[in-house]
Amino acid sequence: MIRFENVCKTYQMGDEKVKALDHASLQIGEGEFVSVIGPSGSGKSTLMNIMGCLDVPDSGSYFLDGKLVGQCSEAELTRIRSRKIGFVFQNFNLISRMTAEENVGLPLIYQGVRQPEIKRRVWDALDRVRLLERRGHKPAQMSGGQQQRVAIARALVTEPVLFLADEPTGNLDSRTGGEIMEMFHQLHEQGNTIVLITHDQQISLQAKRQISIYDGKVKEVWE
């Protein structure tokens, strides 16, 4: 499903050039549960942004489902992001003035889905994360774990084939983080492809396969 071939990405930081990705090559098959582990500043977020079609490499090739992403138009990239990929972030990225139901339904509004179908799919997604009864609550009225479950429901609602999770347990206590990881295991069992970005070794080991990144260099972790 995912293939990187010698992907490079460099950023200008003041007078210094930083190689966020340095000839990164990797493959992730459909239905895999993979963690990408590395310290802060190692290139993890850049890797995820390119996987999620939010950024493009300076050189090298990225293939998603056999398609060379670098040849896609902006309209095609928008379609891929909205229909194929579900994003889950450390900071939840919920809109504070909106209820859980409204936050989860937002991607479907952008897709032009009709209102009755939006309601059905939103309620189903919230039910799957065990928050249907909190659908009328705003983020400030929910715990961090509940907010992350709403964020997972928002990712679920578009029925993506790929979930990209960037430090999804980073702002949660260990018990709540364990509950969130259990949800990712359930998604994996249902056939979804999951790539989980983390700096936490214990979280990383819960994936079926681990990839490490350090100073922009990617390598497989062999047990």
C-alpha atoms as a PDB file:
ATOM      1  CA  MET A   1       0.000   0.000   0.000  1.00  0.00           C
ATOM      2  CA  ILE A   2       2.810   2.446   0.943  1.00  0.00           C
ATOM      3  CA  ARG A   3       6.194   2.549  -0.756  1.00  0.00           C
ATOM      4  CA  PHE A   4       8.970   5.106  -0.244  1.00  0.00           C
ATOM      5  CA  GLU A   5      11.962   5.008  -2.591  1.00  0.00           C
ATOM      6  CA  ASN A   6      14.941   7.144  -1.543  1.00  0.00           C
ATOM      7  CA  VAL A   7      12.715   9.950  -0.246  1.00  0.00           C
ATOM      8  CA  CYS A   8      14.567  13.105   0.820  1.00  0.00           C
ATOM      9  CA  LYS A   9      13.181  16.213   2.508  1.00  0.00           C
ATOM     10  CA  THR A  10      15.267  19.157   3.705  1.00  0.00           C
ATOM     11  CA  TYR A  11      14.155  22.222   5.653  1.00  0.00           C
ATOM     12  CA  GLN A  12      15.922  25.538   6.059  1.00  0.00           C
ATOM     13  CA  MET A  13      16.210  26.366   9.786  1.00  0.00           C
ATOM     14  CA  GLY A  14      17.807  29.799   9.983  1.00  0.00           C
ATOM     15  CA  ASP A  15      21.258  29.446   8.429  1.00  0.00           C
ATOM     16  CA  GLU A  16      21.192  25.683   8.714  1.00  0.00           C
ATOM     17  CA  LYS A  17      19.734  23.036   6.419  1.00  0.00           C
ATOM     18  CA  VAL A  18      18.159  20.105   8.255  1.00  0.00           C
ATOM     19  CA  LYS A  19      17.625  16.755   6.531  1.00  0.00           C
ATOM     20  CA  ALA A  20      14.251  15.646   7.873  1.00  0.00           C
ATOM     21  CA  LEU A  21      14.328  12.571   5.610  1.00  0.00           C
ATOM     22  CA  ASP A  22      17.578  11.221   4.202  1.00  0.00           C
ATOM     23  CA  HIS A  23      17.034   8.706   1.373  1.00  0.00           C
ATOM     24  CA  ALA A  24      14.217   7.011   3.270  1.00  0.00           C
ATOM     25  CA  SER A  25      12.978   3.738   1.775  1.00  0.00           C
ATOM     26  CA  LEU A  26      10.243   1.532   3.230  1.00  0.00           C
ATOM     27  CA  GLN A  27       7.222  -0.575   2.338  1.00  0.00           C
ATOM     28  CA  ILE A  28       3.990  -1.106   4.270  1.00  0.00           C
ATOM     29  CA  GLY A  29       1.501  -3.662   3.014  1.00  0.00           C
ATOM     30  CA  GLU A  30      -2.284  -3.483   3.077  1.00  0.00           C
ATOM     31  CA  GLY A  31      -3.685  -4.517   6.456  1.00  0.00           C
ATOM     32  CA  GLU A  32      -0.421  -4.077   8.374  1.00  0.00           C
ATOM     33  CA  PHE A  33      -0.126  -2.427  11.800  1.00  0.00           C
ATOM     34  CA  VAL A  34       3.232  -0.630  11.815  1.00  0.00           C
ATOM     35  CA  SER A  35       4.796   1.736  14.327  1.00  0.00           C
ATOM     36  CA  VAL A  36       7.403   4.344  13.426  1.00  0.00           C
ATOM     37  CA  ILE A  37       9.555   5.163  16.448  1.00  0.00           C
ATOM     38  CA  GLY A  38      12.138   7.869  16.932  1.00  0.00           C
ATOM     39  CA  PRO A  39      13.067  10.757  19.223  1.00  0.00           C
ATOM     40  CA  SER A  40      11.819  14.317  18.823  1.00  0.00           C
ATOM     41  CA  GLY A  41      13.262  15.900  15.680  1.00  0.00           C
ATOM     42  CA  SER A  42      14.085  12.563  14.056  1.00  0.00           C
ATOM     43  CA  GLY A  43      11.819  13.114  11.041  1.00  0.00           C
ATOM     44  CA  LYS A  44       8.715  11.204  12.213  1.00  0.00           C
ATOM     45  CA  SER A  45       6.233  13.999  11.533  1.00  0.00           C
ATOM     46  CA  THR A  46       7.752  14.725   8.118  1.00  0.00           C
ATOM     47  CA  LEU A  47       7.401  11.037   7.262  1.00  0.00           C
ATOM     48  CA  MET A  48       3.743  11.090   8.309  1.00  0.00           C
ATOM     49  CA  ASN A  49       3.027  14.323   6.446  1.00  0.00           C
ATOM     50  CA  ILE A  50       4.359  12.819   3.222  1.00  0.00           C
ATOM     51  CA  MET A  51       2.466   9.550   3.814  1.00  0.00           C
ATOM     52  CA  GLY A  52      -0.698  11.597   4.381  1.00  0.00           C
ATOM     53  CA  CYS A  53      -0.189  13.659   1.202  1.00  0.00           C
ATOM     54  CA  LEU A  54       0.161  16.814   3.322  1.00  0.00           C
ATOM     55  CA  ASP A  55       3.705  17.408   2.047  1.00  0.00           C
ATOM     56  CA  VAL A  56       5.833  16.291  -0.893  1.00  0.00           C
ATOM     57  CA  PRO A  57       9.441  15.016  -1.054  1.00  0.00           C
ATOM     58  CA  ASP A  58      12.282  17.100  -2.448  1.00  0.00           C
ATOM     59  CA  SER A  59      13.445  13.969  -4.259  1.00  0.00           C
ATOM     60  CA  GLY A  60      12.640  10.277  -4.377  1.00  0.00           C
ATOM     61  CA  SER A  61       9.250   8.657  -4.946  1.00  0.00           C
ATOM     62  CA  TYR A  62       6.196   7.945  -2.809  1.00  0.00           C
ATOM     63  CA  PHE A  63       3.639   5.413  -4.053  1.00  0.00           C
ATOM     64  CA  LEU A  64       0.238   5.010  -2.384  1.00  0.00           C
ATOM     65  CA  ASP A  65      -1.843   2.085  -3.616  1.00  0.00           C
ATOM     66  CA  GLY A  66       0.470   1.857  -6.615  1.00  0.00           C
ATOM     67  CA  LYS A  67      -0.031   5.507  -7.596  1.00  0.00           C
ATOM     68  CA  LEU A  68       2.953   7.867  -7.748  1.00  0.00           C
ATOM     69  CA  VAL A  69       1.759  10.646  -5.460  1.00  0.00           C
ATOM     70  CA  GLY A  70       4.148  13.203  -6.949  1.00  0.00           C
ATOM     71  CA  GLN A  71       2.206  13.069 -10.230  1.00  0.00           C
ATOM     72  CA  CYS A  72      -1.186  13.754  -8.613  1.00  0.00           C
ATOM     73  CA  SER A  73      -2.926  17.098  -9.029  1.00  0.00           C
ATOM     74  CA  GLU A  74      -3.920  19.106  -5.945  1.00  0.00           C
ATOM     75  CA  ALA A  75      -7.532  18.039  -6.511  1.00  0.00           C
ATOM     76  CA  GLU A  76      -6.472  14.368  -6.569  1.00  0.00           C
ATOM     77  CA  LEU A  77      -4.428  14.832  -3.378  1.00  0.00           C
ATOM     78  CA  THR A  78      -7.411  16.434  -1.640  1.00  0.00           C
ATOM     79  CA  ARG A  79      -9.578  13.487  -2.675  1.00  0.00           C
ATOM     80  CA  ILE A  80      -6.991  10.974  -1.400  1.00  0.00           C
ATOM     81  CA  ARG A  81      -6.721  12.776   1.951  1.00  0.00           C
ATOM     82  CA  SER A  82     -10.475  12.998   2.448  1.00  0.00           C
ATOM     83  CA  ARG A  83     -11.439   9.475   1.311  1.00  0.00           C
ATOM     84  CA  LYS A  84      -8.473   7.129   1.767  1.00  0.00           C
ATOM     85  CA  ILE A  85      -6.735   8.407   4.897  1.00  0.00           C
ATOM     86  CA  GLY A  86      -7.940   8.861   8.464  1.00  0.00           C
ATOM     87  CA  PHE A  87      -5.759  11.168  10.576  1.00  0.00           C
ATOM     88  CA  VAL A  88      -5.478  11.014  14.381  1.00  0.00           C
ATOM     89  CA  PHE A  89      -3.295  13.653  16.091  1.00  0.00           C
ATOM     90  CA  GLN A  90      -1.763  14.052  19.540  1.00  0.00           C
ATOM     91  CA  ASN A  91      -3.665  17.296  20.169  1.00  0.00           C
ATOM     92  CA  PHE A  92      -7.006  15.870  18.910  1.00  0.00           C
ATOM     93  CA  ASN A  93      -7.561  18.894  16.560  1.00  0.00           C
ATOM     94  CA  LEU A  94     -11.247  19.191  17.443  1.00  0.00           C
ATOM     95  CA  ILE A  95     -13.123  22.442  16.839  1.00  0.00           C
ATOM     96  CA  SER A  96     -13.973  23.790  20.280  1.00  0.00           C
ATOM     97  CA  ARG A  97     -17.290  25.436  19.380  1.00  0.00           C
ATOM     98  CA  MET A  98     -18.643  22.248  17.802  1.00  0.00           C
ATOM     99  CA  THR A  99     -20.203  19.233  19.511  1.00  0.00           C
ATOM    100  CA  ALA A 100     -18.762  15.746  19.163  1.00  0.00           C
ATOM    101  CA  GLU A 101     -21.423  14.961  16.565  1.00  0.00           C
ATOM    102  CA  GLU A 102     -20.586  18.097  14.553  1.00  0.00           C
ATOM    103  CA  ASN A 103     -16.816  17.466  14.723  1.00  0.00           C
ATOM    104  CA  VAL A 104     -17.205  13.895  13.492  1.00  0.00           C
ATOM    105  CA  GLY A 105     -19.557  14.920  10.676  1.00  0.00           C
ATOM    106  CA  LEU A 106     -17.349  17.683   9.305  1.00  0.00           C
ATOM    107  CA  PRO A 107     -15.357  15.509   6.836  1.00  0.00           C
ATOM    108  CA  LEU A 108     -18.617  14.213   5.355  1.00  0.00           C
ATOM    109  CA  ILE A 109     -19.922  17.759   4.864  1.00  0.00           C
ATOM    110  CA  TYR A 110     -16.747  18.527   2.887  1.00  0.00           C
ATOM    111  CA  GLN A 111     -17.428  15.422   0.788  1.00  0.00           C
ATOM    112  CA  GLY A 112     -20.956  16.608   0.010  1.00  0.00           C
ATOM    113  CA  VAL A 113     -22.684  13.687   1.716  1.00  0.00           C
ATOM    114  CA  ARG A 114     -26.428  14.202   2.294  1.00  0.00           C
ATOM    115  CA  GLN A 115     -27.579  15.018   5.819  1.00  0.00           C
ATOM    116  CA  PRO A 116     -29.515  11.788   6.611  1.00  0.00           C
ATOM    117  CA  GLU A 117     -26.452   9.739   5.574  1.00  0.00           C
ATOM    118  CA  ILE A 118     -24.162  12.008   7.626  1.00  0.00           C
ATOM    119  CA  LYS A 119     -26.254  11.432  10.747  1.00  0.00           C
ATOM    120  CA  ARG A 120     -26.302   7.659  10.247  1.00  0.00           C
ATOM    121  CA  ARG A 121     -22.556   7.403   9.720  1.00  0.00           C
ATOM    122  CA  VAL A 122     -21.691   9.828  12.532  1.00  0.00           C
ATOM    123  CA  TRP A 123     -23.850   7.984  15.036  1.00  0.00           C
ATOM    124  CA  ASP A 124     -22.329   4.677  13.930  1.00  0.00           C
ATOM    125  CA  ALA A 125     -18.774   6.045  14.323  1.00  0.00           C
ATOM    126  CA  LEU A 126     -19.512   7.503  17.762  1.00  0.00           C
ATOM    127  CA  ASP A 127     -21.129   4.241  18.810  1.00  0.00           C
ATOM    128  CA  ARG A 128     -18.018   2.312  17.746  1.00  0.00           C
ATOM    129  CA  VAL A 129     -15.870   4.459  20.078  1.00  0.00           C
ATOM    130  CA  ARG A 130     -18.517   4.193  22.838  1.00  0.00           C
ATOM    131  CA  LEU A 131     -19.393   7.892  22.879  1.00  0.00           C
ATOM    132  CA  LEU A 132     -22.802   8.061  21.246  1.00  0.00           C
ATOM    133  CA  GLU A 133     -24.360   9.326  24.468  1.00  0.00           C
ATOM    134  CA  ARG A 134     -21.861  12.232  24.522  1.00  0.00           C
ATOM    135  CA  ARG A 135     -22.629  13.355  20.965  1.00  0.00           C
ATOM    136  CA  GLY A 136     -24.007  16.720  22.135  1.00  0.00           C
ATOM    137  CA  HIS A 137     -20.960  17.588  24.254  1.00  0.00           C
ATOM    138  CA  LYS A 138     -18.254  20.035  23.184  1.00  0.00           C
ATOM    139  CA  PRO A 139     -14.538  19.236  23.631  1.00  0.00           C
ATOM    140  CA  ALA A 140     -14.237  21.313  26.838  1.00  0.00           C
ATOM    141  CA  GLN A 141     -16.923  19.095  28.391  1.00  0.00           C
ATOM    142  CA  MET A 142     -14.967  15.904  27.739  1.00  0.00           C
ATOM    143  CA  SER A 143     -11.820  14.300  29.125  1.00  0.00           C
ATOM    144  CA  GLY A 144      -8.671  13.967  27.029  1.00  0.00           C
ATOM    145  CA  GLY A 145      -9.418  10.305  26.372  1.00  0.00           C
ATOM    146  CA  GLN A 146     -12.950  11.113  25.257  1.00  0.00           C
ATOM    147  CA  GLN A 147     -11.657  13.845  22.942  1.00  0.00           C
ATOM    148  CA  GLN A 148      -9.219  11.390  21.368  1.00  0.00           C
ATOM    149  CA  ARG A 149     -12.049   8.888  20.873  1.00  0.00           C
ATOM    150  CA  VAL A 150     -14.041  11.614  19.101  1.00  0.00           C
ATOM    151  CA  ALA A 151     -10.975  12.230  16.916  1.00  0.00           C
ATOM    152  CA  ILE A 152     -10.837   8.508  16.093  1.00  0.00           C
ATOM    153  CA  ALA A 153     -14.553   8.567  15.247  1.00  0.00           C
ATOM    154  CA  ARG A 154     -13.895  11.514  12.923  1.00  0.00           C
ATOM    155  CA  ALA A 155     -11.198   9.452  11.204  1.00  0.00           C
ATOM    156  CA  LEU A 156     -13.521   6.423  11.042  1.00  0.00           C
ATOM    157  CA  VAL A 157     -16.493   8.218   9.548  1.00  0.00           C
ATOM    158  CA  THR A 158     -15.040   8.524   6.035  1.00  0.00           C
ATOM    159  CA  GLU A 159     -14.334   4.761   5.980  1.00  0.00           C
ATOM    160  CA  PRO A 160     -10.649   5.151   5.069  1.00  0.00           C
ATOM    161  CA  VAL A 161      -8.322   2.283   4.210  1.00  0.00           C
ATOM    162  CA  LEU A 162      -5.336   3.847   5.989  1.00  0.00           C
ATOM    163  CA  PHE A 163      -5.097   5.331   9.492  1.00  0.00           C
ATOM    164  CA  LEU A 164      -2.168   7.634  10.296  1.00  0.00           C
ATOM    165  CA  ALA A 165      -1.839   8.290  14.034  1.00  0.00           C
ATOM    166  CA  ASP A 166       0.730  10.855  15.212  1.00  0.00           C
ATOM    167  CA  GLU A 167       1.519  10.325  18.932  1.00  0.00           C
ATOM    168  CA  PRO A 168      -2.160   9.475  19.638  1.00  0.00           C
ATOM    169  CA  THR A 169      -1.447   8.671  23.304  1.00  0.00           C
ATOM    170  CA  GLY A 170       1.049  11.489  23.887  1.00  0.00           C
ATOM    171  CA  ASN A 171      -1.312  13.725  25.893  1.00  0.00           C
ATOM    172  CA  LEU A 172      -3.017  10.910  27.826  1.00  0.00           C
ATOM    173  CA  ASP A 173      -2.309   9.053  31.056  1.00  0.00           C
ATOM    174  CA  SER A 174      -1.209   5.426  30.770  1.00  0.00           C
ATOM    175  CA  ARG A 175      -4.634   3.909  31.474  1.00  0.00           C
ATOM    176  CA  THR A 176      -6.425   6.119  28.938  1.00  0.00           C
ATOM    177  CA  GLY A 177      -3.609   5.596  26.456  1.00  0.00           C
ATOM    178  CA  GLY A 178      -4.122   1.856  26.833  1.00  0.00           C
ATOM    179  CA  GLU A 179      -7.807   2.257  25.978  1.00  0.00           C
ATOM    180  CA  ILE A 180      -6.921   4.234  22.837  1.00  0.00           C
ATOM    181  CA  MET A 181      -4.405   1.580  21.778  1.00  0.00           C
ATOM    182  CA  GLU A 182      -7.068  -1.081  22.231  1.00  0.00           C
ATOM    183  CA  MET A 183      -9.203   0.812  19.710  1.00  0.00           C
ATOM    184  CA  PHE A 184      -6.355   0.743  17.197  1.00  0.00           C
ATOM    185  CA  HIS A 185      -6.008  -3.017  17.726  1.00  0.00           C
ATOM    186  CA  GLN A 186      -9.722  -3.391  16.995  1.00  0.00           C
ATOM    187  CA  LEU A 187      -9.399  -1.299  13.828  1.00  0.00           C
ATOM    188  CA  HIS A 188      -6.496  -3.482  12.735  1.00  0.00           C
ATOM    189  CA  GLU A 189      -8.495  -6.657  13.375  1.00  0.00           C
ATOM    190  CA  GLN A 190     -11.209  -5.220  11.115  1.00  0.00           C
ATOM    191  CA  GLY A 191      -8.687  -5.091   8.250  1.00  0.00           C
ATOM    192  CA  ASN A 192      -7.476  -1.484   8.400  1.00  0.00           C
ATOM    193  CA  THR A 193      -3.889  -0.469   7.693  1.00  0.00           C
ATOM    194  CA  ILE A 194      -2.454   1.497  10.620  1.00  0.00           C
ATOM    195  CA  VAL A 195       0.751   3.527  10.833  1.00  0.00           C
ATOM    196  CA  LEU A 196       1.396   4.814  14.341  1.00  0.00           C
ATOM    197  CA  ILE A 197       4.058   7.461  14.963  1.00  0.00           C
ATOM    198  CA  THR A 198       5.503   7.464  18.485  1.00  0.00           C
ATOM    199  CA  HIS A 199       8.549   8.154  20.637  1.00  0.00           C
ATOM    200  CA  ASP A 200       7.344   5.654  23.271  1.00  0.00           C
ATOM    201  CA  GLN A 201       9.019   2.249  23.097  1.00  0.00           C
ATOM    202  CA  GLN A 202       6.179   0.472  24.924  1.00  0.00           C
ATOM    203  CA  ILE A 203       3.560   1.902  22.548  1.00  0.00           C
ATOM    204  CA  SER A 204       5.742   1.034  19.559  1.00  0.00           C
ATOM    205  CA  LEU A 205       6.019  -2.606  20.605  1.00  0.00           C
ATOM    206  CA  GLN A 206       2.236  -3.031  20.446  1.00  0.00           C
ATOM    207  CA  ALA A 207       2.386  -2.840  16.647  1.00  0.00           C
ATOM    208  CA  LYS A 208       3.045  -5.974  14.614  1.00  0.00           C
ATOM    209  CA  ARG A 209       6.097  -4.388  13.031  1.00  0.00           C
ATOM    210  CA  GLN A 210       8.427  -1.542  14.032  1.00  0.00           C
ATOM    211  CA  ILE A 211      10.349   0.922  11.886  1.00  0.00           C
ATOM    212  CA  SER A 212      12.855   3.297  13.475  1.00  0.00           C
ATOM    213  CA  ILE A 213      13.833   6.743  12.279  1.00  0.00           C
ATOM    214  CA  TYR A 214      16.839   8.736  13.471  1.00  0.00           C
ATOM    215  CA  ASP A 215      18.282  11.862  11.847  1.00  0.00           C
ATOM    216  CA  GLY A 216      15.998  11.241   8.877  1.00  0.00           C
ATOM    217  CA  LYS A 217      17.311   7.723   8.259  1.00  0.00           C
ATOM    218  CA  VAL A 218      14.756   4.908   8.266  1.00  0.00           C
ATOM    219  CA  LYS A 219      15.445   1.280   9.111  1.00  0.00           C
ATOM    220  CA  GLU A 220      13.503  -1.833  10.063  1.00  0.00           C
ATOM    221  CA  VAL A 221      13.593  -2.953  13.693  1.00  0.00           C
ATOM    222  CA  TRP A 222      14.336  -6.671  13.895  1.00  0.00           C
ATOM    223  CA  GLU A 223      13.502  -8.518  17.076  1.00  0.00           C
END
